[in-house]
Protein backbone atom coordinates (compact mmCIF):
# COMPACT_ATOMS: atom_id res chain seq x y z
CA MET A 1 -57.25 63.02 -21.45
CA SER A 2 -59.18 60.29 -23.15
CA GLU A 3 -60.78 57.44 -21.25
CA LYS A 4 -60.08 53.87 -22.21
CA ARG A 5 -63.16 51.88 -22.96
CA HIS A 6 -63.29 48.12 -22.88
CA TYR A 7 -65.54 46.34 -25.28
CA LYS A 8 -66.62 42.74 -25.18
CA PHE A 9 -67.69 41.16 -28.43
CA LYS A 10 -69.77 38.03 -28.69
CA CYS A 11 -69.79 35.93 -31.77
CA PRO A 12 -72.94 33.75 -31.67
CA GLU A 13 -71.74 31.31 -34.30
CA PHE A 14 -68.92 30.12 -32.03
CA GLU A 15 -70.91 29.73 -28.84
CA GLN A 16 -71.58 26.17 -27.70
CA THR A 17 -75.29 25.53 -27.62
CA CYS A 18 -77.03 22.31 -26.81
CA GLN A 19 -79.89 21.32 -29.04
CA TYR A 20 -80.81 18.13 -27.20
CA LYS A 21 -80.48 16.64 -23.74
CA PRO A 22 -77.65 14.11 -23.22
CA THR A 23 -78.77 10.47 -23.17
CA SER A 24 -77.61 6.86 -23.24
CA PHE A 25 -78.50 4.10 -25.67
CA TYR A 26 -77.78 0.38 -25.36
CA GLN A 27 -77.24 -2.36 -27.91
CA VAL A 28 -77.96 -5.80 -26.46
CA CYS A 29 -77.24 -9.35 -27.61
CA CYS A 30 -80.21 -11.68 -27.40
CA PHE A 31 -78.03 -14.76 -26.92
CA SER A 32 -75.20 -15.34 -24.48
CA ASN A 33 -71.71 -15.79 -25.88
CA PRO A 34 -70.89 -19.53 -25.98
CA ASP A 35 -67.31 -18.86 -24.81
CA THR A 36 -68.15 -16.68 -21.80
CA GLY A 37 -71.79 -17.57 -21.09
CA LYS A 38 -72.59 -13.84 -20.77
CA HIS A 39 -74.73 -11.40 -22.77
CA GLU A 40 -72.82 -8.58 -24.44
CA VAL A 41 -74.18 -5.04 -24.02
CA LYS A 42 -72.77 -1.83 -25.52
CA LYS A 43 -73.61 1.44 -23.78
CA TYR A 44 -73.34 4.59 -25.88
CA LYS A 45 -73.25 7.93 -24.02
CA ILE A 46 -74.50 10.63 -26.38
CA ASP A 47 -73.95 14.33 -25.69
CA CYS A 48 -76.26 17.24 -26.46
CA ASN A 49 -74.89 17.56 -30.01
CA ASN A 50 -75.57 13.93 -31.01
CA GLU A 51 -71.92 12.92 -30.68
CA PHE A 52 -70.70 9.84 -28.82
CA GLU A 53 -68.99 10.78 -25.57
CA SER A 54 -68.06 7.20 -24.73
CA ILE A 55 -68.74 3.59 -25.63
CA GLN A 56 -68.68 0.98 -22.88
CA ILE A 57 -68.86 -2.79 -23.43
CA MET A 58 -70.46 -4.81 -20.63
CA ARG A 59 -70.95 -8.54 -20.23
CA LEU A 60 -73.98 -9.50 -18.16
CA SER A 61 -74.90 -12.79 -16.52
CA LYS A 62 -78.34 -14.24 -17.34
CA ARG A 63 -79.79 -12.85 -14.09
CA LYS A 64 -78.43 -9.32 -14.71
CA TYR A 65 -79.50 -9.49 -18.35
CA ASP A 66 -83.09 -10.36 -17.34
CA LYS A 67 -83.09 -7.52 -14.79
CA PHE A 68 -81.73 -5.10 -17.40
CA ILE A 69 -84.45 -6.01 -19.91
CA HIS A 70 -87.15 -5.78 -17.23
CA ASP A 71 -86.03 -2.45 -15.70
CA MET A 72 -84.76 -0.47 -18.71
CA PRO A 73 -87.34 1.55 -20.71
CA ARG A 74 -87.89 -0.09 -24.11
CA ASN A 75 -86.86 3.02 -26.06
CA LYS A 76 -83.38 3.06 -24.45
CA TYR A 77 -82.11 -0.18 -26.01
CA ARG A 78 -82.25 -2.40 -29.06
CA VAL A 79 -81.89 -6.19 -28.99
CA PHE A 80 -80.01 -8.00 -31.76
CA ASN A 81 -80.33 -11.72 -32.57
CA THR A 82 -76.65 -12.46 -32.11
CA TYR A 83 -74.17 -13.30 -29.37
CA THR A 84 -71.58 -10.63 -30.26
CA LEU A 85 -71.93 -6.97 -31.23
CA ASP A 86 -68.70 -6.84 -33.27
CA THR A 87 -70.50 -6.55 -36.61
CA ILE A 88 -73.39 -4.31 -35.46
CA ALA A 89 -73.20 -0.66 -36.57
CA SER A 90 -73.43 2.23 -34.10
CA PRO A 91 -76.90 3.60 -33.31
CA ASN A 92 -78.40 5.89 -35.94
CA LEU A 93 -80.19 9.20 -35.33
CA ASN A 94 -83.55 7.45 -35.22
CA ASP A 95 -82.37 5.25 -32.31
CA ILE A 96 -80.95 8.29 -30.50
CA ASP A 97 -84.14 10.31 -30.95
CA MET A 98 -86.20 7.40 -29.62
CA ALA A 99 -83.92 7.16 -26.57
CA ARG A 100 -84.47 10.85 -25.82
CA SER A 101 -88.25 10.63 -26.20
CA GLU A 102 -90.16 10.77 -22.94
CA LEU A 103 -93.34 9.67 -24.73
CA MET A 104 -91.81 6.37 -25.84
CA GLY A 105 -90.41 5.38 -22.43
């Protein structure tokens, strides 16, 4: 009688590998919105393959905005001279690489 053998094949090109560590990057309005009186902030969660997992829009009071700017490492955000982020493009790879850098923080 012949024995049945079970084989397990791995195909390396289809395995999920992470090249980078996940991170977050923020886009921040320098001025408060005249209608709401709050600063708009967009938080981008970026996975290990440089893809956006989620985008969250926050509106911060002046006190929370000042705390955010004071506490957040400078490489994790970018400030724009506007009061709305509607026309600002998503972060580019340079911004994402800076956010991941431990030397820049």
